[in-house]
Amino acid sequence: MSAFAITFDPAGKGHCLYTEMIDLRALGTLRVERATTIEFNHSRQMWEVRDREDQILCVSPSRKTCLDWEVEHLQPTERNP
């Protein structure tokens, strides 16, 4: 798993994947939104990661693989704010 990171925009808002590694409430009021959904596709017998526009981003027989994909691809970094 990659390291936890919080990035801040010029307005001072923090962006990160939610984790319970630290108490994010200590920073102030939270606004939590899902960037993706991970659901099981019964006809394909696979787990799918979908974005807000319902586009498939990752497919795997393993839900954990999909969760790991989220962390790897959605965790804010200097190149992916």
PDB file of N, CA and C in Angstrom:
ATOM      1  N   MET A   1       0.842  -1.179   0.000  1.00  0.00           N
ATOM      2  CA  MET A   1       0.000   0.000   0.000  1.00  0.00           C
ATOM      3  C   MET A   1       0.883   1.237   0.000  1.00  0.00           C
ATOM      4  N   SER A   2       0.499   2.261  -0.760  1.00  0.00           N
ATOM      5  CA  SER A   2       1.275   3.489  -0.806  1.00  0.00           C
ATOM      6  C   SER A   2       1.056   4.297   0.466  1.00  0.00           C
ATOM      7  N   ALA A   3       1.934   5.250   0.700  1.00  0.00           N
ATOM      8  CA  ALA A   3       1.839   6.090   1.882  1.00  0.00           C
ATOM      9  C   ALA A   3       0.618   6.993   1.794  1.00  0.00           C
ATOM     10  N   PHE A   4       0.071   7.332   2.940  1.00  0.00           N
ATOM     11  CA  PHE A   4      -1.069   8.240   3.018  1.00  0.00           C
ATOM     12  C   PHE A   4      -0.597   9.658   2.733  1.00  0.00           C
ATOM     13  N   ALA A   5      -1.363  10.400   1.942  1.00  0.00           N
ATOM     14  CA  ALA A   5      -0.995  11.781   1.616  1.00  0.00           C
ATOM     15  C   ALA A   5      -2.246  12.643   1.575  1.00  0.00           C
ATOM     16  N   ILE A   6      -2.100  13.863   2.034  1.00  0.00           N
ATOM     17  CA  ILE A   6      -3.147  14.876   1.905  1.00  0.00           C
ATOM     18  C   ILE A   6      -2.543  16.012   1.088  1.00  0.00           C
ATOM     19  N   THR A   7      -3.243  16.433   0.034  1.00  0.00           N
ATOM     20  CA  THR A   7      -2.807  17.606  -0.708  1.00  0.00           C
ATOM     21  C   THR A   7      -3.782  18.734  -0.417  1.00  0.00           C
ATOM     22  N   PHE A   8      -3.284  19.952  -0.444  1.00  0.00           N
ATOM     23  CA  PHE A   8      -4.109  21.127  -0.180  1.00  0.00           C
ATOM     24  C   PHE A   8      -4.115  22.025  -1.403  1.00  0.00           C
ATOM     25  N   ASP A   9      -5.308  22.479  -1.772  1.00  0.00           N
ATOM     26  CA  ASP A   9      -5.409  23.392  -2.912  1.00  0.00           C
ATOM     27  C   ASP A   9      -5.158  24.819  -2.429  1.00  0.00           C
ATOM     28  N   PRO A  10      -5.075  25.791  -3.342  1.00  0.00           N
ATOM     29  CA  PRO A  10      -4.794  27.174  -2.952  1.00  0.00           C
ATOM     30  C   PRO A  10      -5.810  27.765  -1.971  1.00  0.00           C
ATOM     31  N   ALA A  11      -7.027  27.244  -1.960  1.00  0.00           N
ATOM     32  CA  ALA A  11      -8.046  27.730  -1.019  1.00  0.00           C
ATOM     33  C   ALA A  11      -7.903  27.101   0.360  1.00  0.00           C
ATOM     34  N   GLY A  12      -6.967  26.164   0.495  1.00  0.00           N
ATOM     35  CA  GLY A  12      -6.735  25.532   1.788  1.00  0.00           C
ATOM     36  C   GLY A  12      -7.548  24.271   2.027  1.00  0.00           C
ATOM     37  N   LYS A  13      -8.245  23.788   1.001  1.00  0.00           N
ATOM     38  CA  LYS A  13      -9.019  22.562   1.148  1.00  0.00           C
ATOM     39  C   LYS A  13      -8.100  21.362   0.929  1.00  0.00           C
ATOM     40  N   GLY A  14      -8.224  20.376   1.814  1.00  0.00           N
ATOM     41  CA  GLY A  14      -7.422  19.170   1.707  1.00  0.00           C
ATOM     42  C   GLY A  14      -8.135  18.117   0.883  1.00  0.00           C
ATOM     43  N   HIS A  15      -7.367  17.320   0.166  1.00  0.00           N
ATOM     44  CA  HIS A  15      -7.898  16.248  -0.668  1.00  0.00           C
ATOM     45  C   HIS A  15      -7.087  14.982  -0.400  1.00  0.00           C
ATOM     46  N   CYS A  16      -7.797  13.871  -0.173  1.00  0.00           N
ATOM     47  CA  CYS A  16      -7.115  12.603   0.076  1.00  0.00           C
ATOM     48  C   CYS A  16      -8.100  11.458  -0.052  1.00  0.00           C
ATOM     49  N   LEU A  17      -7.558  10.250  -0.104  1.00  0.00           N
ATOM     50  CA  LEU A  17      -8.408   9.087   0.047  1.00  0.00           C
ATOM     51  C   LEU A  17      -8.690   8.958   1.534  1.00  0.00           C
ATOM     52  N   TYR A  18      -9.948   8.726   1.885  1.00  0.00           N
ATOM     53  CA  TYR A  18     -10.293   8.620   3.293  1.00  0.00           C
ATOM     54  C   TYR A  18      -9.639   7.391   3.901  1.00  0.00           C
ATOM     55  N   THR A  19      -9.129   7.569   5.072  1.00  0.00           N
ATOM     56  CA  THR A  19      -8.528   6.483   5.828  1.00  0.00           C
ATOM     57  C   THR A  19      -8.765   6.736   7.302  1.00  0.00           C
ATOM     58  N   GLU A  20      -8.705   5.699   8.064  1.00  0.00           N
ATOM     59  CA  GLU A  20      -8.799   5.860   9.508  1.00  0.00           C
ATOM     60  C   GLU A  20      -7.421   5.773  10.150  1.00  0.00           C
ATOM     61  N   MET A  21      -6.361   5.894   9.310  1.00  0.00           N
ATOM     62  CA  MET A  21      -4.990   5.896   9.828  1.00  0.00           C
ATOM     63  C   MET A  21      -4.786   7.078  10.772  1.00  0.00           C
ATOM     64  N   ILE A  22      -5.423   8.206  10.435  1.00  0.00           N
ATOM     65  CA  ILE A  22      -5.405   9.380  11.311  1.00  0.00           C
ATOM     66  C   ILE A  22      -6.835   9.889  11.421  1.00  0.00           C
ATOM     67  N   ASP A  23      -7.113  10.642  12.478  1.00  0.00           N
ATOM     68  CA  ASP A  23      -8.455  11.191  12.666  1.00  0.00           C
ATOM     69  C   ASP A  23      -8.568  12.481  11.854  1.00  0.00           C
ATOM     70  N   LEU A  24      -9.118  12.375  10.651  1.00  0.00           N
ATOM     71  CA  LEU A  24      -9.238  13.540   9.778  1.00  0.00           C
ATOM     72  C   LEU A  24     -10.167  14.603  10.353  1.00  0.00           C
ATOM     73  N   ARG A  25     -11.060  14.215  11.273  1.00  0.00           N
ATOM     74  CA  ARG A  25     -11.952  15.201  11.908  1.00  0.00           C
ATOM     75  C   ARG A  25     -11.162  16.225  12.705  1.00  0.00           C
ATOM     76  N   ALA A  26      -9.948  15.884  13.097  1.00  0.00           N
ATOM     77  CA  ALA A  26      -9.105  16.826  13.840  1.00  0.00           C
ATOM     78  C   ALA A  26      -8.732  18.034  12.986  1.00  0.00           C
ATOM     79  N   LEU A  27      -8.852  17.900  11.664  1.00  0.00           N
ATOM     80  CA  LEU A  27      -8.538  19.007  10.763  1.00  0.00           C
ATOM     81  C   LEU A  27      -9.718  19.958  10.569  1.00  0.00           C
ATOM     82  N   GLY A  28     -10.915  19.515  10.947  1.00  0.00           N
ATOM     83  CA  GLY A  28     -12.108  20.342  10.769  1.00  0.00           C
ATOM     84  C   GLY A  28     -13.261  19.527  10.217  1.00  0.00           C
ATOM     85  N   THR A  29     -14.258  20.215   9.699  1.00  0.00           N
ATOM     86  CA  THR A  29     -15.440  19.565   9.150  1.00  0.00           C
ATOM     87  C   THR A  29     -15.080  18.802   7.882  1.00  0.00           C
ATOM     88  N   LEU A  30     -15.535  17.565   7.796  1.00  0.00           N
ATOM     89  CA  LEU A  30     -15.246  16.738   6.630  1.00  0.00           C
ATOM     90  C   LEU A  30     -16.358  16.841   5.603  1.00  0.00           C
ATOM     91  N   ARG A  31     -15.982  16.746   4.344  1.00  0.00           N
ATOM     92  CA  ARG A  31     -16.920  16.557   3.240  1.00  0.00           C
ATOM     93  C   ARG A  31     -16.390  15.352   2.466  1.00  0.00           C
ATOM     94  N   VAL A  32     -17.091  14.240   2.561  1.00  0.00           N
ATOM     95  CA  VAL A  32     -16.614  12.998   1.981  1.00  0.00           C
ATOM     96  C   VAL A  32     -17.467  12.655   0.766  1.00  0.00           C
ATOM     97  N   GLU A  33     -16.805  12.412  -0.359  1.00  0.00           N
ATOM     98  CA  GLU A  33     -17.478  12.014  -1.597  1.00  0.00           C
ATOM     99  C   GLU A  33     -16.736  10.820  -2.175  1.00  0.00           C
ATOM    100  N   ARG A  34     -17.472   9.850  -2.664  1.00  0.00           N
ATOM    101  CA  ARG A  34     -16.867   8.708  -3.330  1.00  0.00           C
ATOM    102  C   ARG A  34     -16.424   9.128  -4.728  1.00  0.00           C
ATOM    103  N   ALA A  35     -15.190   8.822  -5.064  1.00  0.00           N
ATOM    104  CA  ALA A  35     -14.683   9.077  -6.413  1.00  0.00           C
ATOM    105  C   ALA A  35     -15.061   7.936  -7.343  1.00  0.00           C
ATOM    106  N   THR A  36     -15.232   6.751  -6.777  1.00  0.00           N
ATOM    107  CA  THR A  36     -15.574   5.566  -7.554  1.00  0.00           C
ATOM    108  C   THR A  36     -16.552   4.701  -6.775  1.00  0.00           C
ATOM    109  N   THR A  37     -17.081   3.705  -7.448  1.00  0.00           N
ATOM    110  CA  THR A  37     -17.846   2.652  -6.779  1.00  0.00           C
ATOM    111  C   THR A  37     -17.179   1.328  -7.137  1.00  0.00           C
ATOM    112  N   ILE A  38     -17.234   0.405  -6.210  1.00  0.00           N
ATOM    113  CA  ILE A  38     -16.739  -0.944  -6.457  1.00  0.00           C
ATOM    114  C   ILE A  38     -17.915  -1.875  -6.219  1.00  0.00           C
ATOM    115  N   GLU A  39     -18.346  -2.519  -7.287  1.00  0.00           N
ATOM    116  CA  GLU A  39     -19.497  -3.409  -7.201  1.00  0.00           C
ATOM    117  C   GLU A  39     -19.223  -4.689  -7.966  1.00  0.00           C
ATOM    118  N   PHE A  40     -19.904  -5.734  -7.533  1.00  0.00           N
ATOM    119  CA  PHE A  40     -19.759  -7.026  -8.190  1.00  0.00           C
ATOM    120  C   PHE A  40     -20.709  -7.100  -9.370  1.00  0.00           C
ATOM    121  N   ASN A  41     -20.179  -7.444 -10.534  1.00  0.00           N
ATOM    122  CA  ASN A  41     -20.984  -7.627 -11.741  1.00  0.00           C
ATOM    123  C   ASN A  41     -21.339  -9.113 -11.823  1.00  0.00           C
ATOM    124  N   HIS A  42     -22.605  -9.428 -11.573  1.00  0.00           N
ATOM    125  CA  HIS A  42     -23.037 -10.824 -11.508  1.00  0.00           C
ATOM    126  C   HIS A  42     -22.899 -11.538 -12.842  1.00  0.00           C
ATOM    127  N   SER A  43     -23.189 -10.861 -13.935  1.00  0.00           N
ATOM    128  CA  SER A  43     -23.105 -11.532 -15.241  1.00  0.00           C
ATOM    129  C   SER A  43     -21.653 -11.811 -15.642  1.00  0.00           C
ATOM    130  N   ARG A  44     -20.737 -10.919 -15.288  1.00  0.00           N
ATOM    131  CA  ARG A  44     -19.317 -11.119 -15.614  1.00  0.00           C
ATOM    132  C   ARG A  44     -18.580 -11.897 -14.535  1.00  0.00           C
ATOM    133  N   GLN A  45     -19.203 -11.972 -13.333  1.00  0.00           N
ATOM    134  CA  GLN A  45     -18.568 -12.623 -12.180  1.00  0.00           C
ATOM    135  C   GLN A  45     -17.219 -11.983 -11.857  1.00  0.00           C
ATOM    136  N   MET A  46     -17.226 -10.653 -11.902  1.00  0.00           N
ATOM    137  CA  MET A  46     -16.021  -9.862 -11.623  1.00  0.00           C
ATOM    138  C   MET A  46     -16.394  -8.630 -10.819  1.00  0.00           C
ATOM    139  N   TRP A  47     -15.435  -8.127 -10.058  1.00  0.00           N
ATOM    140  CA  TRP A  47     -15.592  -6.845  -9.379  1.00  0.00           C
ATOM    141  C   TRP A  47     -15.200  -5.751 -10.364  1.00  0.00           C
ATOM    142  N   GLU A  48     -15.916  -4.628 -10.314  1.00  0.00           N
ATOM    143  CA  GLU A  48     -15.641  -3.503 -11.211  1.00  0.00           C
ATOM    144  C   GLU A  48     -15.506  -2.205 -10.410  1.00  0.00           C
ATOM    145  N   VAL A  49     -14.505  -1.427 -10.770  1.00  0.00           N
ATOM    146  CA  VAL A  49     -14.358  -0.071 -10.253  1.00  0.00           C
ATOM    147  C   VAL A  49     -14.912   0.848 -11.331  1.00  0.00           C
ATOM    148  N   ARG A  50     -15.875   1.679 -10.952  1.00  0.00           N
ATOM    149  CA  ARG A  50     -16.486   2.616 -11.915  1.00  0.00           C
ATOM    150  C   ARG A  50     -16.367   4.041 -11.395  1.00  0.00           C
ATOM    151  N   ASP A  51     -16.164   4.975 -12.325  1.00  0.00           N
ATOM    152  CA  ASP A  51     -16.102   6.385 -11.939  1.00  0.00           C
ATOM    153  C   ASP A  51     -17.514   6.972 -11.869  1.00  0.00           C
ATOM    154  N   ARG A  52     -17.591   8.260 -11.600  1.00  0.00           N
ATOM    155  CA  ARG A  52     -18.900   8.929 -11.440  1.00  0.00           C
ATOM    156  C   ARG A  52     -19.705   8.965 -12.731  1.00  0.00           C
ATOM    157  N   GLU A  53     -19.038   8.797 -13.881  1.00  0.00           N
ATOM    158  CA  GLU A  53     -19.728   8.758 -15.176  1.00  0.00           C
ATOM    159  C   GLU A  53     -20.050   7.317 -15.580  1.00  0.00           C
ATOM    160  N   ASP A  54     -19.864   6.376 -14.669  1.00  0.00           N
ATOM    161  CA  ASP A  54     -20.165   4.957 -14.849  1.00  0.00           C
ATOM    162  C   ASP A  54     -19.213   4.267 -15.826  1.00  0.00           C
ATOM    163  N   GLN A  55     -18.033   4.840 -16.035  1.00  0.00           N
ATOM    164  CA  GLN A  55     -17.012   4.209 -16.875  1.00  0.00           C
ATOM    165  C   GLN A  55     -16.238   3.197 -16.038  1.00  0.00           C
ATOM    166  N   ILE A  56     -15.965   2.033 -16.599  1.00  0.00           N
ATOM    167  CA  ILE A  56     -15.205   1.011 -15.888  1.00  0.00           C
ATOM    168  C   ILE A  56     -13.721   1.393 -15.901  1.00  0.00           C
ATOM    169  N   LEU A  57     -13.132   1.422 -14.718  1.00  0.00           N
ATOM    170  CA  LEU A  57     -11.726   1.784 -14.569  1.00  0.00           C
ATOM    171  C   LEU A  57     -10.832   0.590 -14.281  1.00  0.00           C
ATOM    172  N   CYS A  58     -11.403  -0.434 -13.650  1.00  0.00           N
ATOM    173  CA  CYS A  58     -10.635  -1.619 -13.283  1.00  0.00           C
ATOM    174  C   CYS A  58     -11.609  -2.783 -13.133  1.00  0.00           C
ATOM    175  N   VAL A  59     -11.181  -3.961 -13.553  1.00  0.00           N
ATOM    176  CA  VAL A  59     -11.984  -5.179 -13.421  1.00  0.00           C
ATOM    177  C   VAL A  59     -11.087  -6.261 -12.846  1.00  0.00           C
ATOM    178  N   SER A  60     -11.611  -7.000 -11.869  1.00  0.00           N
ATOM    179  CA  SER A  60     -10.825  -8.076 -11.269  1.00  0.00           C
ATOM    180  C   SER A  60     -11.749  -9.075 -10.587  1.00  0.00           C
ATOM    181  N   PRO A  61     -11.330 -10.315 -10.502  1.00  0.00           N
ATOM    182  CA  PRO A  61     -12.101 -11.269  -9.712  1.00  0.00           C
ATOM    183  C   PRO A  61     -11.934 -11.021  -8.214  1.00  0.00           C
ATOM    184  N   SER A  62     -10.971 -10.182  -7.841  1.00  0.00           N
ATOM    185  CA  SER A  62     -10.671  -9.885  -6.442  1.00  0.00           C
ATOM    186  C   SER A  62     -11.105  -8.473  -6.069  1.00  0.00           C
ATOM    187  N   ARG A  63     -11.956  -8.363  -5.048  1.00  0.00           N
ATOM    188  CA  ARG A  63     -12.364  -7.039  -4.560  1.00  0.00           C
ATOM    189  C   ARG A  63     -11.159  -6.290  -4.002  1.00  0.00           C
ATOM    190  N   LYS A  64     -10.268  -7.010  -3.308  1.00  0.00           N
ATOM    191  CA  LYS A  64      -9.075  -6.371  -2.745  1.00  0.00           C
ATOM    192  C   LYS A  64      -8.216  -5.751  -3.842  1.00  0.00           C
ATOM    193  N   THR A  65      -8.108  -6.416  -4.976  1.00  0.00           N
ATOM    194  CA  THR A  65      -7.359  -5.848  -6.094  1.00  0.00           C
ATOM    195  C   THR A  65      -7.976  -4.523  -6.524  1.00  0.00           C
ATOM    196  N   CYS A  66      -9.303  -4.458  -6.553  1.00  0.00           N
ATOM    197  CA  CYS A  66      -9.984  -3.210  -6.918  1.00  0.00           C
ATOM    198  C   CYS A  66      -9.735  -2.126  -5.871  1.00  0.00           C
ATOM    199  N   LEU A  67      -9.777  -2.492  -4.592  1.00  0.00           N
ATOM    200  CA  LEU A  67      -9.489  -1.526  -3.529  1.00  0.00           C
ATOM    201  C   LEU A  67      -8.049  -1.027  -3.635  1.00  0.00           C
ATOM    202  N   ASP A  68      -7.120  -1.941  -3.897  1.00  0.00           N
ATOM    203  CA  ASP A  68      -5.716  -1.551  -4.062  1.00  0.00           C
ATOM    204  C   ASP A  68      -5.540  -0.645  -5.279  1.00  0.00           C
ATOM    205  N   TRP A  69      -6.296  -0.916  -6.351  1.00  0.00           N
ATOM    206  CA  TRP A  69      -6.242  -0.072  -7.547  1.00  0.00           C
ATOM    207  C   TRP A  69      -6.652   1.358  -7.188  1.00  0.00           C
ATOM    208  N   GLU A  70      -7.722   1.487  -6.399  1.00  0.00           N
ATOM    209  CA  GLU A  70      -8.164   2.827  -5.969  1.00  0.00           C
ATOM    210  C   GLU A  70      -7.041   3.569  -5.266  1.00  0.00           C
ATOM    211  N   VAL A  71      -6.407   2.910  -4.326  1.00  0.00           N
ATOM    212  CA  VAL A  71      -5.342   3.560  -3.559  1.00  0.00           C
ATOM    213  C   VAL A  71      -4.202   3.975  -4.477  1.00  0.00           C
ATOM    214  N   GLU A  72      -3.810   3.070  -5.373  1.00  0.00           N
ATOM    215  CA  GLU A  72      -2.681   3.364  -6.267  1.00  0.00           C
ATOM    216  C   GLU A  72      -2.986   4.484  -7.250  1.00  0.00           C
ATOM    217  N   HIS A  73      -4.210   4.528  -7.772  1.00  0.00           N
ATOM    218  CA  HIS A  73      -4.534   5.475  -8.836  1.00  0.00           C
ATOM    219  C   HIS A  73      -5.243   6.746  -8.376  1.00  0.00           C
ATOM    220  N   LEU A  74      -5.827   6.736  -7.194  1.00  0.00           N
ATOM    221  CA  LEU A  74      -6.585   7.904  -6.754  1.00  0.00           C
ATOM    222  C   LEU A  74      -5.946   8.651  -5.604  1.00  0.00           C
ATOM    223  N   GLN A  75      -4.933   8.092  -4.989  1.00  0.00           N
ATOM    224  CA  GLN A  75      -4.238   8.777  -3.898  1.00  0.00           C
ATOM    225  C   GLN A  75      -3.588  10.047  -4.445  1.00  0.00           C
ATOM    226  N   PRO A  76      -3.915  11.217  -3.866  1.00  0.00           N
ATOM    227  CA  PRO A  76      -3.280  12.452  -4.359  1.00  0.00           C
ATOM    228  C   PRO A  76      -1.773  12.414  -4.202  1.00  0.00           C
ATOM    229  N   THR A  77      -1.103  12.888  -5.231  1.00  0.00           N
ATOM    230  CA  THR A  77       0.351  13.058  -5.196  1.00  0.00           C
ATOM    231  C   THR A  77       0.656  14.388  -5.861  1.00  0.00           C
ATOM    232  N   GLU A  78       1.889  14.763  -5.899  1.00  0.00           N
ATOM    233  CA  GLU A  78       2.251  16.023  -6.554  1.00  0.00           C
ATOM    234  C   GLU A  78       1.867  16.003  -8.027  1.00  0.00           C
ATOM    235  N   ARG A  79       1.898  14.819  -8.646  1.00  0.00           N
ATOM    236  CA  ARG A  79       1.560  14.728 -10.066  1.00  0.00           C
ATOM    237  C   ARG A  79       0.097  14.400 -10.290  1.00  0.00           C
ATOM    238  N   ASN A  80      -0.672  14.097  -9.221  1.00  0.00           N
ATOM    239  CA  ASN A  80      -2.072  13.691  -9.346  1.00  0.00           C
ATOM    240  C   ASN A  80      -2.915  14.371  -8.261  1.00  0.00           C
ATOM    241  N   PRO A  81      -2.987  15.733  -8.270  1.00  0.00           N
ATOM    242  CA  PRO A  81      -3.727  16.421  -7.196  1.00  0.00           C
ATOM    243  C   PRO A  81      -5.228  16.265  -7.338  1.00  0.00           C
TER     244      PRO A  81
END
